[in-house]
Amino acid sequence: MKRLIINADGYGFTAGITRAIEECVRFGTVRSISANVNFVHADRLPKLLSEFPFLSVGCHVNPVVGRPVLDPGKVPSLVNGKGEFLYRDFARGVREGRLDLRELSMEMRAQMEKTAQLAGKAFTHIDFHMGLHRLPRLYEAFLDAAENSGVNRIRTHRYLMGMESRFPRMRHLAHMLESPTRLPKYIWNLWLRKKAKRRGFAMPDRWVGITNMAIRPEKINLQNHLMMLRNLPDGFSEYVAHPGYVDDELRRWSSYLEQRVRELRVLTSAEFRDALEDFGIRLSGYRDIPRKIYRFAA
């Protein structure tokens, strides 16, 4: 069976993103979201869940932009003089050891706890802003925090690009070979997936994508998304979506701008919604992925 999780990332990140995600939920193409709970707009989550209790809600762990959930004085290595995260310096800080892993763990756990408070039983999964938890020094700390939360579903590190092509696996291979760093990164991702599975984490079978959407916004169109649905393999696939309206708040924190508006248009098009049924795809959420139950750590 073909099961697709369209997970809208960034609920709460800005007012424009939050509004766009809510529109997609109401339109019926999104049943799974991930929340940036270190931003105030995420506090709208309980109201959304009262209207749509079937939603799967993830913690979009974010020690990268904005302010921490914890008092900045408790995580001084993670913030600048204004008490804000280091943004573009985050990855370098992790690699160079300037960010205290103990403080990172504390903030990750605090964000997961706040997600649990806002979402209750709808809290189903954990992912990370820009996928930066895959940095070598950070990954084990991320898994430890996720295990401690009692939520053992995380985003997979196995992906299939080129879904807009008539021959997606060939396009995926070509994509891997277009840059000398892509294949080593993909192998690293598969190794991380293996480590997570050994620890009992449940994940989608793969996440699927359209190539080069970030640098070629024109590729974000209805035709390519319909081809993606046509090419979808059996099992659980996740498509990570970023619908949004552009505002000054978003311009401050992101360079992914026009693309969000284009994604919103696709996700709220009747043709896309109808194609899910036409291609025999069951729209799902993370809560539909079977999981092993962890006890909460003391």
Foldseek 3Di string as FASTA:
>chain_A
DFAEAAEAEEQQLDPFQVVLVLLLVVLPLHQEYEYAVLHPRCLCLLVSCVVVVSHAYEHAQELAFAAFPDQLVLFVLQADPVRTGPHVCVLVCQVVVSGDLVSSLVRSLSSLVVCCVRNPPSHAEYAYVVRSCLRVNRVVSNLVSCLLSQRQEYEALAAFEQLLDPDRNVVSVVVQPPDPVRVVVSVSRVVSNVVSVVVFGFYWPYEYYYPPCQPDVVCLAQSSLLSSLLSGDDTYYYYYAHAGADDPSCVVRDPRHPSNPSRSVNSNDPVNVVSCVVNPYHYHYSVPTDGDGHDNDD
